[in-house]
Amino acid sequence: MGDAMVTADSLIGCYMMANRMHGVIYVGVSSQLVTRVGQHRAGVIDGFTKRYGLKRLVWYEFHETIVGAIQREKSLKRWPRDWKTNLIERTNPHWDDLFTGLVRASGAEPDPEAYRNWTPPEE
């Protein structure tokens, strides 16, 4: 199987983070969904999600390709807030944190070292 610390996270997805029910919403995209959401939750990524304490995964969907996921993210970012709220509440009416379910569904174990040693990509 290999190293226990190696993550099997190659899930492509679009996702929304929030700080609380009906709170601030962030729309993101990643080709390593479990790891990326874990980084937001650990507060290791400087920027919007850290500034507003967005640690709750309230919505996500998987995509076959990163191109499709990015298109979806751009589309969602143009949507009015009410539409995003409606999309979240269709599957998650109480804005529960879906991270545990995502990890379970993926079979991936988020690597804690990935959060501690994370550095932003070069611009």
Protein backbone atom coordinates (compact mmCIF):
# COMPACT_ATOMS: atom_id res chain seq x y z
CA MET A 1 0.00 0.00 0.00
CA GLY A 2 2.92 2.38 0.53
CA ASP A 3 3.49 5.07 3.09
CA ALA A 4 0.76 5.69 5.67
CA MET A 5 1.29 9.45 5.33
CA VAL A 6 0.62 9.50 1.59
CA THR A 7 -2.84 10.80 0.78
CA ALA A 8 -5.02 9.23 -1.88
CA ASP A 9 -6.72 12.54 -2.62
CA SER A 10 -7.25 13.13 -6.32
CA LEU A 11 -10.86 14.28 -6.14
CA ILE A 12 -11.76 17.19 -8.40
CA GLY A 13 -14.56 19.35 -7.11
CA CYS A 14 -16.26 22.66 -6.63
CA TYR A 15 -17.17 23.59 -3.06
CA MET A 16 -18.57 26.25 -0.74
CA MET A 17 -17.24 27.10 2.71
CA ALA A 18 -19.10 29.14 5.36
CA ASN A 19 -18.53 30.32 8.93
CA ARG A 20 -22.08 29.57 10.11
CA MET A 21 -25.64 29.10 8.85
CA HIS A 22 -26.49 32.01 6.53
CA GLY A 23 -23.02 33.43 7.14
CA VAL A 24 -20.22 34.39 4.79
CA ILE A 25 -19.88 32.07 1.75
CA TYR A 26 -16.72 31.25 -0.22
CA VAL A 27 -16.84 29.36 -3.53
CA GLY A 28 -13.72 27.40 -4.46
CA VAL A 29 -12.39 24.67 -6.72
CA SER A 30 -9.65 22.07 -6.28
CA SER A 31 -8.16 18.97 -7.85
CA GLN A 32 -7.43 17.71 -4.30
CA LEU A 33 -10.73 18.46 -2.63
CA VAL A 34 -10.16 16.71 0.72
CA THR A 35 -6.71 18.25 1.19
CA ARG A 36 -7.84 21.73 0.14
CA VAL A 37 -10.88 21.81 2.42
CA GLY A 38 -8.66 20.46 5.21
CA GLN A 39 -6.30 23.39 4.66
CA HIS A 40 -9.20 25.86 4.94
CA ARG A 41 -10.37 24.15 8.13
CA ALA A 42 -6.87 24.25 9.62
CA GLY A 43 -6.63 27.97 8.81
CA VAL A 44 -3.31 27.59 6.98
CA ILE A 45 -4.32 29.41 3.79
CA ASP A 46 -4.02 33.18 4.15
CA GLY A 47 -6.82 35.14 2.54
CA PHE A 48 -10.59 35.32 2.48
CA THR A 49 -11.45 32.00 4.18
CA LYS A 50 -8.94 32.55 6.98
CA ARG A 51 -9.92 36.22 7.49
CA TYR A 52 -13.61 35.31 7.90
CA GLY A 53 -13.11 31.98 9.71
CA LEU A 54 -14.74 29.88 6.98
CA LYS A 55 -14.08 26.37 8.30
CA ARG A 56 -17.42 24.71 7.51
CA LEU A 57 -17.81 22.79 4.23
CA VAL A 58 -21.48 23.39 3.41
CA TRP A 59 -21.70 22.20 -0.21
CA TYR A 60 -19.59 20.36 -2.76
CA GLU A 61 -19.86 18.45 -5.99
CA PHE A 62 -17.39 16.22 -7.81
CA HIS A 63 -16.26 16.83 -11.39
CA GLU A 64 -14.55 14.60 -13.94
CA THR A 65 -12.19 17.35 -15.09
CA ILE A 66 -10.63 20.43 -13.51
CA VAL A 67 -11.85 22.45 -16.51
CA GLY A 68 -15.46 21.51 -15.73
CA ALA A 69 -14.97 22.30 -12.05
CA ILE A 70 -13.47 25.72 -12.83
CA GLN A 71 -16.36 26.52 -15.19
CA ARG A 72 -18.82 25.60 -12.43
CA GLU A 73 -16.93 27.73 -9.88
CA LYS A 74 -16.97 30.77 -12.20
CA SER A 75 -20.68 30.27 -12.82
CA LEU A 76 -21.47 29.98 -9.08
CA LYS A 77 -19.45 33.10 -8.29
CA ARG A 78 -21.71 35.06 -10.66
CA TRP A 79 -24.89 33.75 -8.99
CA PRO A 80 -26.76 35.99 -6.53
CA ARG A 81 -26.25 35.06 -2.88
CA ASP A 82 -29.87 33.81 -2.58
CA TRP A 83 -29.23 31.24 -5.33
CA LYS A 84 -26.12 29.95 -3.55
CA THR A 85 -28.08 29.72 -0.29
CA ASN A 86 -30.82 27.79 -2.10
CA LEU A 87 -28.27 25.39 -3.63
CA ILE A 88 -26.73 24.73 -0.20
CA GLU A 89 -30.09 24.25 1.52
CA ARG A 90 -31.42 21.80 -1.08
CA THR A 91 -29.00 19.16 0.23
CA ASN A 92 -27.83 20.70 3.54
CA PRO A 93 -30.75 22.62 5.12
CA HIS A 94 -28.93 23.23 8.44
CA TRP A 95 -25.58 24.20 6.88
CA ASP A 96 -23.90 21.28 8.65
CA ASP A 97 -20.18 20.70 8.13
CA LEU A 98 -19.92 18.02 5.40
CA PHE A 99 -16.18 17.41 5.73
CA THR A 100 -16.41 14.08 7.58
CA GLY A 101 -18.80 12.74 4.93
CA LEU A 102 -16.51 13.96 2.16
CA VAL A 103 -13.51 12.17 3.71
CA ARG A 104 -15.59 9.00 4.17
CA ALA A 105 -16.88 9.14 0.56
CA SER A 106 -13.40 9.74 -0.84
CA GLY A 107 -11.55 7.09 1.11
CA ALA A 108 -8.75 9.67 1.31
CA GLU A 109 -7.00 10.43 4.56
CA PRO A 110 -6.04 14.10 4.76
CA ASP A 111 -2.34 14.36 5.54
CA PRO A 112 -1.83 16.71 8.53
CA GLU A 113 1.70 17.48 7.29
CA ALA A 114 0.19 18.85 4.07
CA TYR A 115 -1.43 21.60 6.13
CA ARG A 116 1.60 22.50 8.24
CA ASN A 117 4.01 22.67 5.31
CA TRP A 118 1.63 24.26 2.81
CA THR A 119 2.99 27.19 0.83
CA PRO A 120 1.09 29.20 -1.75
CA PRO A 121 1.83 28.36 -5.39
CA GLU A 122 4.08 30.77 -7.27
CA GLU A 123 2.11 33.49 -9.03
